[in-house]
Protein backbone atom coordinates (compact mmCIF):
# COMPACT_ATOMS: atom_id res chain seq x y z
CA UNK A 1 -71.97 -160.00 18.73
CA UNK A 2 -71.67 -159.43 22.60
CA UNK A 3 -74.90 -161.35 23.80
CA UNK A 4 -73.96 -161.87 27.38
CA UNK A 5 -73.29 -158.14 27.93
CA UNK A 6 -69.50 -158.54 28.40
CA UNK A 7 -67.09 -156.20 28.06
CA UNK A 8 -64.95 -156.29 24.75
CA UNK A 9 -61.62 -155.31 25.59
CA UNK A 10 -59.02 -154.79 22.94
CA UNK A 11 -56.13 -156.74 23.78
CA UNK A 12 -52.77 -154.81 24.62
CA UNK A 13 -49.86 -154.64 22.04
CA UNK A 14 -47.68 -152.94 24.48
CA UNK A 15 -46.36 -154.03 27.82
CA UNK A 16 -47.44 -151.59 31.09
CA UNK A 17 -43.46 -151.52 32.00
CA UNK A 18 -42.79 -150.67 28.32
CA UNK A 19 -45.53 -147.42 28.38
CA UNK A 20 -44.08 -146.65 32.17
CA UNK A 21 -40.59 -146.54 30.66
CA UNK A 22 -41.75 -144.60 27.74
CA UNK A 23 -43.66 -141.77 29.79
CA UNK A 24 -40.70 -141.65 32.22
CA UNK A 25 -38.37 -140.44 29.43
CA UNK A 26 -40.56 -138.17 27.94
CA UNK A 27 -41.06 -136.62 31.40
CA UNK A 28 -37.25 -136.39 31.86
CA UNK A 29 -37.09 -134.89 28.49
CA UNK A 30 -39.45 -132.04 29.19
CA UNK A 31 -38.54 -131.46 32.21
CA UNK A 32 -34.73 -131.22 31.07
CA UNK A 33 -35.84 -128.62 28.65
CA UNK A 34 -38.12 -126.52 31.27
CA UNK A 35 -34.79 -126.23 33.12
CA UNK A 36 -32.30 -125.48 30.50
CA UNK A 37 -34.64 -122.40 29.25
CA UNK A 38 -35.04 -121.27 32.77
CA UNK A 39 -31.33 -121.14 33.16
CA UNK A 40 -30.73 -119.26 29.63
CA UNK A 41 -33.87 -116.71 30.53
CA UNK A 42 -32.05 -116.01 33.89
CA UNK A 43 -28.51 -115.76 32.51
CA UNK A 44 -30.02 -113.72 29.36
CA UNK A 45 -32.05 -111.59 32.12
CA UNK A 46 -29.40 -110.88 34.56
CA UNK A 47 -26.78 -109.59 31.28
CA UNK A 48 -29.81 -107.01 30.38
CA UNK A 49 -30.74 -105.94 33.52
CA UNK A 50 -28.40 -106.33 36.27
CA UNK A 51 -27.25 -102.78 36.02
CA UNK A 52 -30.41 -101.32 36.18
CA UNK A 53 -32.03 -103.52 38.99
CA UNK A 54 -29.18 -102.60 41.02
CA UNK A 55 -29.33 -98.81 40.50
CA UNK A 56 -33.08 -99.37 41.28
CA UNK A 57 -32.45 -101.51 44.45
CA UNK A 58 -29.50 -99.14 45.88
CA UNK A 59 -32.04 -95.73 45.48
CA UNK A 60 -34.50 -97.77 48.31
């Protein structure tokens, strides 16, 4: 029962440093996944469309 109007908060079970480290690891993981998928896309696109791209550019 909250009589005095004091705010009741749940005690933290993990330290702020542990949360920060976990967040940093997740951001690193997703950044690496995005970078690798971008590199993969560029490589595949260059093999598939390189010839047609240069034909189009050289005719300009």
